[in-house]
Amino acid sequence: QVQLVESGGGSVQPGGSLRLSCAASGRIFAITGAAWYRQAPGKQREWVASFITADTATYTDSVKGRFTISGDYARNTVYLQMNSLKPEDTAVYYCRSGNDWGQGTQVTVSA
């Protein structure tokens, strides 16, 4: 059974940084890769970034240059480093691998 567990969310001021983690059991990220999505209040869930290797990382336009997705295969964990955060980044962030989703972690950016 696959389990994805996100952590690292919180509240920060605009311009701040957070690092989200997604730890997997029953899933090998090095084979399947992983992605981050987010859902803001009243909006549909949207894709943020995907990763299999550093060379294949892709990002939605709104986070390019600010967010970095990476993986630690030894720990079977995928990260999302978020810098220069903006209020519009406020959302619940979800990790996805294959057809499996984590429970989400809240990120709030406000002054």
PDB file of N, CA and C in Angstrom:
ATOM      1  N   GLN A   1       0.846  -1.185   0.000  1.00  0.00           N
ATOM      2  CA  GLN A   1       0.000   0.000   0.000  1.00  0.00           C
ATOM      3  C   GLN A   1       0.889   1.244   0.000  1.00  0.00           C
ATOM      4  N   VAL A   2       0.569   2.164  -0.901  1.00  0.00           N
ATOM      5  CA  VAL A   2       1.358   3.383  -1.020  1.00  0.00           C
ATOM      6  C   VAL A   2       0.855   4.427  -0.037  1.00  0.00           C
ATOM      7  N   GLN A   3       1.784   5.083   0.635  1.00  0.00           N
ATOM      8  CA  GLN A   3       1.435   6.186   1.526  1.00  0.00           C
ATOM      9  C   GLN A   3       2.382   7.343   1.265  1.00  0.00           C
ATOM     10  N   LEU A   4       1.796   8.516   1.023  1.00  0.00           N
ATOM     11  CA  LEU A   4       2.565   9.731   0.825  1.00  0.00           C
ATOM     12  C   LEU A   4       2.229  10.682   1.959  1.00  0.00           C
ATOM     13  N   VAL A   5       3.253  11.197   2.635  1.00  0.00           N
ATOM     14  CA  VAL A   5       3.034  12.066   3.784  1.00  0.00           C
ATOM     15  C   VAL A   5       3.784  13.366   3.572  1.00  0.00           C
ATOM     16  N   GLU A   6       3.017  14.465   3.468  1.00  0.00           N
ATOM     17  CA  GLU A   6       3.622  15.780   3.304  1.00  0.00           C
ATOM     18  C   GLU A   6       3.873  16.427   4.649  1.00  0.00           C
ATOM     19  N   SER A   7       4.854  17.304   4.693  1.00  0.00           N
ATOM     20  CA  SER A   7       5.134  18.093   5.886  1.00  0.00           C
ATOM     21  C   SER A   7       5.858  19.365   5.463  1.00  0.00           C
ATOM     22  N   GLY A   8       5.984  20.295   6.392  1.00  0.00           N
ATOM     23  CA  GLY A   8       6.755  21.504   6.131  1.00  0.00           C
ATOM     24  C   GLY A   8       5.938  22.747   5.861  1.00  0.00           C
ATOM     25  N   GLY A   9       4.625  22.616   5.796  1.00  0.00           N
ATOM     26  CA  GLY A   9       3.804  23.797   5.573  1.00  0.00           C
ATOM     27  C   GLY A   9       3.818  24.716   6.784  1.00  0.00           C
ATOM     28  N   GLY A  10       3.233  25.901   6.617  1.00  0.00           N
ATOM     29  CA  GLY A  10       3.181  26.851   7.712  1.00  0.00           C
ATOM     30  C   GLY A  10       2.777  28.214   7.205  1.00  0.00           C
ATOM     31  N   SER A  11       2.972  29.208   8.054  1.00  0.00           N
ATOM     32  CA  SER A  11       2.641  30.589   7.729  1.00  0.00           C
ATOM     33  C   SER A  11       3.920  31.405   7.633  1.00  0.00           C
ATOM     34  N   VAL A  12       4.034  32.182   6.567  1.00  0.00           N
ATOM     35  CA  VAL A  12       5.199  33.031   6.370  1.00  0.00           C
ATOM     36  C   VAL A  12       4.757  34.366   5.812  1.00  0.00           C
ATOM     37  N   GLN A  13       5.626  35.352   5.921  1.00  0.00           N
ATOM     38  CA  GLN A  13       5.373  36.658   5.324  1.00  0.00           C
ATOM     39  C   GLN A  13       5.774  36.639   3.853  1.00  0.00           C
ATOM     40  N   PRO A  14       5.209  37.532   3.068  1.00  0.00           N
ATOM     41  CA  PRO A  14       5.638  37.626   1.663  1.00  0.00           C
ATOM     42  C   PRO A  14       7.149  37.802   1.561  1.00  0.00           C
ATOM     43  N   GLY A  15       7.738  37.093   0.620  1.00  0.00           N
ATOM     44  CA  GLY A  15       9.186  37.098   0.466  1.00  0.00           C
ATOM     45  C   GLY A  15       9.877  36.007   1.239  1.00  0.00           C
ATOM     46  N   GLY A  16       9.161  35.319   2.095  1.00  0.00           N
ATOM     47  CA  GLY A  16       9.746  34.267   2.897  1.00  0.00           C
ATOM     48  C   GLY A  16       9.900  32.961   2.135  1.00  0.00           C
ATOM     49  N   SER A  17      10.393  31.949   2.848  1.00  0.00           N
ATOM     50  CA  SER A  17      10.668  30.652   2.245  1.00  0.00           C
ATOM     51  C   SER A  17      10.114  29.526   3.105  1.00  0.00           C
ATOM     52  N   LEU A  18       9.769  28.439   2.450  1.00  0.00           N
ATOM     53  CA  LEU A  18       9.385  27.189   3.113  1.00  0.00           C
ATOM     54  C   LEU A  18       9.910  26.037   2.284  1.00  0.00           C
ATOM     55  N   ARG A  19      10.148  24.917   2.945  1.00  0.00           N
ATOM     56  CA  ARG A  19      10.492  23.700   2.223  1.00  0.00           C
ATOM     57  C   ARG A  19       9.504  22.616   2.602  1.00  0.00           C
ATOM     58  N   LEU A  20       8.788  22.131   1.606  1.00  0.00           N
ATOM     59  CA  LEU A  20       7.854  21.038   1.801  1.00  0.00           C
ATOM     60  C   LEU A  20       8.553  19.703   1.538  1.00  0.00           C
ATOM     61  N   SER A  21       8.145  18.700   2.282  1.00  0.00           N
ATOM     62  CA  SER A  21       8.673  17.354   2.092  1.00  0.00           C
ATOM     63  C   SER A  21       7.530  16.388   1.822  1.00  0.00           C
ATOM     64  N   CYS A  22       7.805  15.385   1.015  1.00  0.00           N
ATOM     65  CA  CYS A  22       6.844  14.318   0.738  1.00  0.00           C
ATOM     66  C   CYS A  22       7.588  12.997   0.884  1.00  0.00           C
ATOM     67  N   ALA A  23       7.285  12.285   1.940  1.00  0.00           N
ATOM     68  CA  ALA A  23       7.932  11.006   2.203  1.00  0.00           C
ATOM     69  C   ALA A  23       7.012   9.878   1.748  1.00  0.00           C
ATOM     70  N   ALA A  24       7.586   8.899   1.054  1.00  0.00           N
ATOM     71  CA  ALA A  24       6.783   7.824   0.486  1.00  0.00           C
ATOM     72  C   ALA A  24       7.128   6.479   1.086  1.00  0.00           C
ATOM     73  N   SER A  25       6.109   5.686   1.276  1.00  0.00           N
ATOM     74  CA  SER A  25       6.296   4.273   1.592  1.00  0.00           C
ATOM     75  C   SER A  25       5.532   3.475   0.549  1.00  0.00           C
ATOM     76  N   GLY A  26       6.092   2.360   0.135  1.00  0.00           N
ATOM     77  CA  GLY A  26       5.437   1.563  -0.886  1.00  0.00           C
ATOM     78  C   GLY A  26       5.548   2.146  -2.272  1.00  0.00           C
ATOM     79  N   ARG A  27       6.379   3.138  -2.438  1.00  0.00           N
ATOM     80  CA  ARG A  27       6.553   3.789  -3.738  1.00  0.00           C
ATOM     81  C   ARG A  27       8.018   4.192  -3.860  1.00  0.00           C
ATOM     82  N   ILE A  28       8.585   3.938  -5.034  1.00  0.00           N
ATOM     83  CA  ILE A  28       9.968   4.327  -5.248  1.00  0.00           C
ATOM     84  C   ILE A  28       9.989   5.504  -6.208  1.00  0.00           C
ATOM     85  N   PHE A  29      10.269   6.683  -5.673  1.00  0.00           N
ATOM     86  CA  PHE A  29      10.238   7.888  -6.484  1.00  0.00           C
ATOM     87  C   PHE A  29      11.221   7.831  -7.638  1.00  0.00           C
ATOM     88  N   ALA A  30      12.335   7.144  -7.441  1.00  0.00           N
ATOM     89  CA  ALA A  30      13.339   7.091  -8.498  1.00  0.00           C
ATOM     90  C   ALA A  30      12.790   6.434  -9.760  1.00  0.00           C
ATOM     91  N   ILE A  31      11.769   5.641  -9.608  1.00  0.00           N
ATOM     92  CA  ILE A  31      11.160   4.965 -10.750  1.00  0.00           C
ATOM     93  C   ILE A  31       9.943   5.715 -11.262  1.00  0.00           C
ATOM     94  N   THR A  32       9.085   6.139 -10.357  1.00  0.00           N
ATOM     95  CA  THR A  32       7.805   6.722 -10.768  1.00  0.00           C
ATOM     96  C   THR A  32       7.803   8.229 -10.819  1.00  0.00           C
ATOM     97  N   GLY A  33       8.745   8.878 -10.126  1.00  0.00           N
ATOM     98  CA  GLY A  33       8.712  10.330 -10.050  1.00  0.00           C
ATOM     99  C   GLY A  33       7.616  10.816  -9.123  1.00  0.00           C
ATOM    100  N   ALA A  34       7.523  12.128  -9.005  1.00  0.00           N
ATOM    101  CA  ALA A  34       6.526  12.728  -8.126  1.00  0.00           C
ATOM    102  C   ALA A  34       6.204  14.121  -8.617  1.00  0.00           C
ATOM    103  N   ALA A  35       5.107  14.648  -8.126  1.00  0.00           N
ATOM    104  CA  ALA A  35       4.683  15.992  -8.492  1.00  0.00           C
ATOM    105  C   ALA A  35       4.052  16.672  -7.302  1.00  0.00           C
ATOM    106  N   TRP A  36       4.081  17.976  -7.327  1.00  0.00           N
ATOM    107  CA  TRP A  36       3.383  18.792  -6.340  1.00  0.00           C
ATOM    108  C   TRP A  36       2.229  19.520  -7.023  1.00  0.00           C
ATOM    109  N   TYR A  37       1.116  19.558  -6.335  1.00  0.00           N
ATOM    110  CA  TYR A  37      -0.059  20.306  -6.761  1.00  0.00           C
ATOM    111  C   TYR A  37      -0.454  21.230  -5.603  1.00  0.00           C
ATOM    112  N   ARG A  38      -1.330  22.178  -5.899  1.00  0.00           N
ATOM    113  CA  ARG A  38      -1.851  23.024  -4.829  1.00  0.00           C
ATOM    114  C   ARG A  38      -3.295  23.400  -5.139  1.00  0.00           C
ATOM    115  N   GLN A  39      -4.023  23.670  -4.073  1.00  0.00           N
ATOM    116  CA  GLN A  39      -5.415  24.082  -4.208  1.00  0.00           C
ATOM    117  C   GLN A  39      -5.686  25.235  -3.274  1.00  0.00           C
ATOM    118  N   ALA A  40      -5.973  26.379  -3.865  1.00  0.00           N
ATOM    119  CA  ALA A  40      -6.310  27.564  -3.090  1.00  0.00           C
ATOM    120  C   ALA A  40      -7.802  27.557  -2.791  1.00  0.00           C
ATOM    121  N   PRO A  41      -8.244  28.278  -1.757  1.00  0.00           N
ATOM    122  CA  PRO A  41      -9.664  28.314  -1.413  1.00  0.00           C
ATOM    123  C   PRO A  41     -10.512  28.778  -2.592  1.00  0.00           C
ATOM    124  N   GLY A  42     -11.535  28.009  -2.899  1.00  0.00           N
ATOM    125  CA  GLY A  42     -12.446  28.369  -3.966  1.00  0.00           C
ATOM    126  C   GLY A  42     -11.925  28.127  -5.366  1.00  0.00           C
ATOM    127  N   LYS A  43     -10.744  27.505  -5.484  1.00  0.00           N
ATOM    128  CA  LYS A  43     -10.153  27.261  -6.799  1.00  0.00           C
ATOM    129  C   LYS A  43      -9.918  25.782  -7.017  1.00  0.00           C
ATOM    130  N   GLN A  44      -9.733  25.417  -8.284  1.00  0.00           N
ATOM    131  CA  GLN A  44      -9.425  24.029  -8.607  1.00  0.00           C
ATOM    132  C   GLN A  44      -7.980  23.717  -8.264  1.00  0.00           C
ATOM    133  N   ARG A  45      -7.732  22.452  -8.026  1.00  0.00           N
ATOM    134  CA  ARG A  45      -6.370  22.011  -7.773  1.00  0.00           C
ATOM    135  C   ARG A  45      -5.549  22.217  -9.032  1.00  0.00           C
ATOM    136  N   GLU A  46      -4.335  22.732  -8.883  1.00  0.00           N
ATOM    137  CA  GLU A  46      -3.479  22.983 -10.039  1.00  0.00           C
ATOM    138  C   GLU A  46      -2.104  22.344  -9.845  1.00  0.00           C
ATOM    139  N   TRP A  47      -1.520  21.951 -10.958  1.00  0.00           N
ATOM    140  CA  TRP A  47      -0.190  21.375 -10.954  1.00  0.00           C
ATOM    141  C   TRP A  47       0.845  22.469 -10.700  1.00  0.00           C
ATOM    142  N   VAL A  48       1.870  22.159  -9.914  1.00  0.00           N
ATOM    143  CA  VAL A  48       2.922  23.118  -9.580  1.00  0.00           C
ATOM    144  C   VAL A  48       4.263  22.697 -10.176  1.00  0.00           C
ATOM    145  N   ALA A  49       4.671  21.443  -9.950  1.00  0.00           N
ATOM    146  CA  ALA A  49       5.988  21.008 -10.412  1.00  0.00           C
ATOM    147  C   ALA A  49       6.028  19.494 -10.455  1.00  0.00           C
ATOM    148  N   SER A  50       6.886  18.960 -11.330  1.00  0.00           N
ATOM    149  CA  SER A  50       7.071  17.511 -11.453  1.00  0.00           C
ATOM    150  C   SER A  50       8.551  17.181 -11.458  1.00  0.00           C
ATOM    151  N   PHE A  51       8.867  15.967 -11.045  1.00  0.00           N
ATOM    152  CA  PHE A  51      10.269  15.571 -10.887  1.00  0.00           C
ATOM    153  C   PHE A  51      10.434  14.065 -11.025  1.00  0.00           C
ATOM    154  N   ILE A  52      11.405  13.672 -11.861  1.00  0.00           N
ATOM    155  CA  ILE A  52      11.942  12.312 -11.804  1.00  0.00           C
ATOM    156  C   ILE A  52      13.428  12.403 -11.508  1.00  0.00           C
ATOM    157  N   THR A  53      14.088  13.247 -12.267  1.00  0.00           N
ATOM    158  CA  THR A  53      15.470  13.587 -11.976  1.00  0.00           C
ATOM    159  C   THR A  53      15.598  15.110 -12.076  1.00  0.00           C
ATOM    160  N   ALA A  54      16.706  15.641 -11.634  1.00  0.00           N
ATOM    161  CA  ALA A  54      16.898  17.091 -11.693  1.00  0.00           C
ATOM    162  C   ALA A  54      16.798  17.602 -13.125  1.00  0.00           C
ATOM    163  N   ASP A  55      17.214  16.773 -14.072  1.00  0.00           N
ATOM    164  CA  ASP A  55      17.191  17.201 -15.467  1.00  0.00           C
ATOM    165  C   ASP A  55      15.784  17.242 -16.044  1.00  0.00           C
ATOM    166  N   THR A  56      14.855  16.579 -15.391  1.00  0.00           N
ATOM    167  CA  THR A  56      13.494  16.507 -15.934  1.00  0.00           C
ATOM    168  C   THR A  56      12.506  17.333 -15.133  1.00  0.00           C
ATOM    169  N   ALA A  57      12.976  18.131 -14.186  1.00  0.00           N
ATOM    170  CA  ALA A  57      12.062  18.931 -13.381  1.00  0.00           C
ATOM    171  C   ALA A  57      11.353  19.964 -14.243  1.00  0.00           C
ATOM    172  N   THR A  58      10.066  20.103 -14.048  1.00  0.00           N
ATOM    173  CA  THR A  58       9.272  21.090 -14.781  1.00  0.00           C
ATOM    174  C   THR A  58       8.390  21.832 -13.791  1.00  0.00           C
ATOM    175  N   TYR A  59       8.017  23.063 -14.179  1.00  0.00           N
ATOM    176  CA  TYR A  59       7.288  23.954 -13.276  1.00  0.00           C
ATOM    177  C   TYR A  59       6.195  24.703 -14.011  1.00  0.00           C
ATOM    178  N   THR A  60       5.133  25.015 -13.291  1.00  0.00           N
ATOM    179  CA  THR A  60       4.163  25.922 -13.856  1.00  0.00           C
ATOM    180  C   THR A  60       4.777  27.320 -13.900  1.00  0.00           C
ATOM    181  N   ASP A  61       4.333  28.139 -14.849  1.00  0.00           N
ATOM    182  CA  ASP A  61       4.986  29.424 -15.081  1.00  0.00           C
ATOM    183  C   ASP A  61       5.024  30.321 -13.849  1.00  0.00           C
ATOM    184  N   SER A  62       3.984  30.280 -13.055  1.00  0.00           N
ATOM    185  CA  SER A  62       3.884  31.212 -11.927  1.00  0.00           C
ATOM    186  C   SER A  62       4.912  30.966 -10.827  1.00  0.00           C
ATOM    187  N   VAL A  63       5.568  29.800 -10.830  1.00  0.00           N
ATOM    188  CA  VAL A  63       6.551  29.505  -9.775  1.00  0.00           C
ATOM    189  C   VAL A  63       7.966  29.370 -10.311  1.00  0.00           C
ATOM    190  N   LYS A  64       8.140  29.461 -11.618  1.00  0.00           N
ATOM    191  CA  LYS A  64       9.478  29.316 -12.196  1.00  0.00           C
ATOM    192  C   LYS A  64      10.412  30.373 -11.625  1.00  0.00           C
ATOM    193  N   GLY A  65      11.616  29.927 -11.257  1.00  0.00           N
ATOM    194  CA  GLY A  65      12.600  30.834 -10.680  1.00  0.00           C
ATOM    195  C   GLY A  65      12.444  31.040  -9.190  1.00  0.00           C
ATOM    196  N   ARG A  66      11.335  30.581  -8.621  1.00  0.00           N
ATOM    197  CA  ARG A  66      11.105  30.730  -7.178  1.00  0.00           C
ATOM    198  C   ARG A  66      11.044  29.384  -6.460  1.00  0.00           C
ATOM    199  N   PHE A  67      10.496  28.380  -7.106  1.00  0.00           N
ATOM    200  CA  PHE A  67      10.346  27.058  -6.495  1.00  0.00           C
ATOM    201  C   PHE A  67      11.330  26.085  -7.135  1.00  0.00           C
ATOM    202  N   THR A  68      11.797  25.135  -6.333  1.00  0.00           N
ATOM    203  CA  THR A  68      12.673  24.080  -6.831  1.00  0.00           C
ATOM    204  C   THR A  68      12.211  22.745  -6.283  1.00  0.00           C
ATOM    205  N   ILE A  69      11.955  21.804  -7.188  1.00  0.00           N
ATOM    206  CA  ILE A  69      11.582  20.456  -6.786  1.00  0.00           C
ATOM    207  C   ILE A  69      12.823  19.576  -6.857  1.00  0.00           C
ATOM    208  N   SER A  70      13.002  18.726  -5.866  1.00  0.00           N
ATOM    209  CA  SER A  70      14.181  17.854  -5.836  1.00  0.00           C
ATOM    210  C   SER A  70      13.831  16.577  -5.092  1.00  0.00           C
ATOM    211  N   GLY A  71      14.743  15.615  -5.167  1.00  0.00           N
ATOM    212  CA  GLY A  71      14.471  14.339  -4.512  1.00  0.00           C
ATOM    213  C   GLY A  71      15.699  13.774  -3.834  1.00  0.00           C
ATOM    214  N   ASP A  72      15.469  13.056  -2.773  1.00  0.00           N
ATOM    215  CA  ASP A  72      16.510  12.305  -2.069  1.00  0.00           C
ATOM    216  C   ASP A  72      16.097  10.844  -2.168  1.00  0.00           C
ATOM    217  N   TYR A  73      16.674  10.135  -3.130  1.00  0.00           N
ATOM    218  CA  TYR A  73      16.249   8.769  -3.354  1.00  0.00           C
ATOM    219  C   TYR A  73      16.595   7.864  -2.183  1.00  0.00           C
ATOM    220  N   ALA A  74      17.679   8.150  -1.482  1.00  0.00           N
ATOM    221  CA  ALA A  74      18.042   7.328  -0.329  1.00  0.00           C
ATOM    222  C   ALA A  74      16.966   7.390   0.754  1.00  0.00           C
ATOM    223  N   ARG A  75      16.324   8.558   0.874  1.00  0.00           N
ATOM    224  CA  ARG A  75      15.257   8.731   1.862  1.00  0.00           C
ATOM    225  C   ARG A  75      13.869   8.538   1.242  1.00  0.00           C
ATOM    226  N   ASN A  76      13.820   8.302  -0.060  1.00  0.00           N
ATOM    227  CA  ASN A  76      12.550   8.192  -0.784  1.00  0.00           C
ATOM    228  C   ASN A  76      11.650   9.381  -0.464  1.00  0.00           C
ATOM    229  N   THR A  77      12.230  10.543  -0.567  1.00  0.00           N
ATOM    230  CA  THR A  77      11.535  11.780  -0.219  1.00  0.00           C
ATOM    231  C   THR A  77      11.725  12.796  -1.333  1.00  0.00           C
ATOM    232  N   VAL A  78      10.659  13.512  -1.640  1.00  0.00           N
ATOM    233  CA  VAL A  78      10.697  14.591  -2.621  1.00  0.00           C
ATOM    234  C   VAL A  78      10.441  15.896  -1.889  1.00  0.00           C
ATOM    235  N   TYR A  79      11.125  16.950  -2.310  1.00  0.00           N
ATOM    236  CA  TYR A  79      11.025  18.246  -1.650  1.00  0.00           C
ATOM    237  C   TYR A  79      10.510  19.306  -2.621  1.00  0.00           C
ATOM    238  N   LEU A  80       9.939  20.340  -2.061  1.00  0.00           N
ATOM    239  CA  LEU A  80       9.606  21.533  -2.828  1.00  0.00           C
ATOM    240  C   LEU A  80      10.120  22.733  -2.038  1.00  0.00           C
ATOM    241  N   GLN A  81      11.228  23.295  -2.507  1.00  0.00           N
ATOM    242  CA  GLN A  81      11.772  24.496  -1.890  1.00  0.00           C
ATOM    243  C   GLN A  81      11.062  25.700  -2.495  1.00  0.00           C
ATOM    244  N   MET A  82      10.450  26.492  -1.647  1.00  0.00           N
ATOM    245  CA  MET A  82       9.665  27.633  -2.109  1.00  0.00           C
ATOM    246  C   MET A  82      10.283  28.914  -1.563  1.00  0.00           C
ATOM    247  N   ASN A  83      10.779  29.740  -2.450  1.00  0.00           N
ATOM    248  CA  ASN A  83      11.388  31.013  -2.083  1.00  0.00           C
ATOM    249  C   ASN A  83      10.565  32.169  -2.641  1.00  0.00           C
ATOM    250  N   SER A  84      10.822  33.348  -2.121  1.00  0.00           N
ATOM    251  CA  SER A  84      10.121  34.557  -2.580  1.00  0.00           C
ATOM    252  C   SER A  84       8.617  34.338  -2.627  1.00  0.00           C
ATOM    253  N   LEU A  85       8.094  33.793  -1.567  1.00  0.00           N
ATOM    254  CA  LEU A  85       6.676  33.455  -1.531  1.00  0.00           C
ATOM    255  C   LEU A  85       5.800  34.692  -1.629  1.00  0.00           C
ATOM    256  N   LYS A  86       4.664  34.514  -2.287  1.00  0.00           N
ATOM    257  CA  LYS A  86       3.698  35.580  -2.501  1.00  0.00           C
ATOM    258  C   LYS A  86       2.358  35.182  -1.888  1.00  0.00           C
ATOM    259  N   PRO A  87       1.512  36.146  -1.574  1.00  0.00           N
ATOM    260  CA  PRO A  87       0.196  35.788  -1.029  1.00  0.00           C
ATOM    261  C   PRO A  87      -0.584  34.840  -1.941  1.00  0.00           C
ATOM    262  N   GLU A  88      -0.401  34.960  -3.236  1.00  0.00           N
ATOM    263  CA  GLU A  88      -1.120  34.080  -4.156  1.00  0.00           C
ATOM    264  C   GLU A  88      -0.608  32.646  -4.152  1.00  0.00           C
ATOM    265  N   ASP A  89       0.474  32.389  -3.423  1.00  0.00           N
ATOM    266  CA  ASP A  89       0.943  31.010  -3.248  1.00  0.00           C
ATOM    267  C   ASP A  89       0.192  30.293  -2.116  1.00  0.00           C
ATOM    268  N   THR A  90      -0.632  31.029  -1.403  1.00  0.00           N
ATOM    269  CA  THR A  90      -1.396  30.427  -0.314  1.00  0.00           C
ATOM    270  C   THR A  90      -2.314  29.334  -0.846  1.00  0.00           C
ATOM    271  N   ALA A  91      -2.178  28.142  -0.289  1.00  0.00           N
ATOM    272  CA  ALA A  91      -2.949  26.994  -0.755  1.00  0.00           C
ATOM    273  C   ALA A  91      -2.615  25.780   0.109  1.00  0.00           C
ATOM    274  N   VAL A  92      -3.381  24.739  -0.085  1.00  0.00           N
ATOM    275  CA  VAL A  92      -2.997  23.429   0.443  1.00  0.00           C
ATOM    276  C   VAL A  92      -2.167  22.755  -0.647  1.00  0.00           C
ATOM    277  N   TYR A  93      -0.989  22.308  -0.283  1.00  0.00           N
ATOM    278  CA  TYR A  93      -0.067  21.690  -1.233  1.00  0.00           C
ATOM    279  C   TYR A  93      -0.109  20.172  -1.068  1.00  0.00           C
ATOM    280  N   TYR A  94      -0.234  19.481  -2.207  1.00  0.00           N
ATOM    281  CA  TYR A  94      -0.358  18.040  -2.220  1.00  0.00           C
ATOM    282  C   TYR A  94       0.783  17.407  -3.014  1.00  0.00           C
ATOM    283  N   CYS A  95       1.237  16.295  -2.542  1.00  0.00           N
ATOM    284  CA  CYS A  95       2.201  15.464  -3.251  1.00  0.00           C
ATOM    285  C   CYS A  95       1.437  14.361  -3.985  1.00  0.00           C
ATOM    286  N   ARG A  96       1.883  14.090  -5.200  1.00  0.00           N
ATOM    287  CA  ARG A  96       1.262  13.037  -5.988  1.00  0.00           C
ATOM    288  C   ARG A  96       2.346  12.172  -6.620  1.00  0.00           C
ATOM    289  N   SER A  97       2.118  10.859  -6.638  1.00  0.00           N
ATOM    290  CA  SER A  97       2.986   9.934  -7.362  1.00  0.00           C
ATOM    291  C   SER A  97       2.110   8.845  -7.951  1.00  0.00           C
ATOM    292  N   GLY A  98       2.132   8.719  -9.257  1.00  0.00           N
ATOM    293  CA  GLY A  98       1.210   7.797  -9.911  1.00  0.00           C
ATOM    294  C   GLY A  98      -0.216   8.253  -9.662  1.00  0.00           C
ATOM    295  N   ASN A  99      -1.060   7.376  -9.169  1.00  0.00           N
ATOM    296  CA  ASN A  99      -2.441   7.721  -8.850  1.00  0.00           C
ATOM    297  C   ASN A  99      -2.645   7.978  -7.366  1.00  0.00           C
ATOM    298  N   ASP A 100      -1.581   8.110  -6.634  1.00  0.00           N
ATOM    299  CA  ASP A 100      -1.661   8.263  -5.181  1.00  0.00           C
ATOM    300  C   ASP A 100      -1.371   9.711  -4.762  1.00  0.00           C
ATOM    301  N   TRP A 101      -2.111  10.152  -3.762  1.00  0.00           N
ATOM    302  CA  TRP A 101      -2.000  11.522  -3.251  1.00  0.00           C
ATOM    303  C   TRP A 101      -1.725  11.500  -1.748  1.00  0.00           C
ATOM    304  N   GLY A 102      -1.007  12.535  -1.310  1.00  0.00           N
ATOM    305  CA  GLY A 102      -0.870  12.743   0.120  1.00  0.00           C
ATOM    306  C   GLY A 102      -2.075  13.483   0.673  1.00  0.00           C
ATOM    307  N   GLN A 103      -2.019  13.770   1.968  1.00  0.00           N
ATOM    308  CA  GLN A 103      -3.154  14.396   2.636  1.00  0.00           C
ATOM    309  C   GLN A 103      -3.133  15.908   2.518  1.00  0.00           C
ATOM    310  N   GLY A 104      -2.013  16.474   2.111  1.00  0.00           N
ATOM    311  CA  GLY A 104      -1.887  17.910   1.935  1.00  0.00           C
ATOM    312  C   GLY A 104      -1.282  18.599   3.139  1.00  0.00           C
ATOM    313  N   THR A 105      -0.642  19.735   2.869  1.00  0.00           N
ATOM    314  CA  THR A 105      -0.080  20.564   3.925  1.00  0.00           C
ATOM    315  C   THR A 105      -0.372  22.032   3.588  1.00  0.00           C
ATOM    316  N   GLN A 106      -0.819  22.786   4.577  1.00  0.00           N
ATOM    317  CA  GLN A 106      -1.255  24.154   4.357  1.00  0.00           C
ATOM    318  C   GLN A 106      -0.075  25.110   4.296  1.00  0.00           C
ATOM    319  N   VAL A 107      -0.070  25.966   3.285  1.00  0.00           N
ATOM    320  CA  VAL A 107       0.903  27.058   3.176  1.00  0.00           C
ATOM    321  C   VAL A 107       0.118  28.366   3.142  1.00  0.00           C
ATOM    322  N   THR A 108       0.444  29.261   4.047  1.00  0.00           N
ATOM    323  CA  THR A 108      -0.223  30.552   4.112  1.00  0.00           C
ATOM    324  C   THR A 108       0.823  31.655   4.047  1.00  0.00           C
ATOM    325  N   VAL A 109       0.646  32.562   3.085  1.00  0.00           N
ATOM    326  CA  VAL A 109       1.571  33.678   2.907  1.00  0.00           C
ATOM    327  C   VAL A 109       0.793  34.973   3.121  1.00  0.00           C
ATOM    328  N   SER A 110       1.113  35.673   4.184  1.00  0.00           N
ATOM    329  CA  SER A 110       0.408  36.926   4.490  1.00  0.00           C
ATOM    330  C   SER A 110       1.295  37.813   5.329  1.00  0.00           C
ATOM    331  N   ALA A 111       1.038  39.128   5.227  1.00  0.00           N
ATOM    332  CA  ALA A 111       1.848  40.116   5.967  1.00  0.00           C
ATOM    333  C   ALA A 111       1.447  40.146   7.428  1.00  0.00           C
TER     334      ALA A 111
END
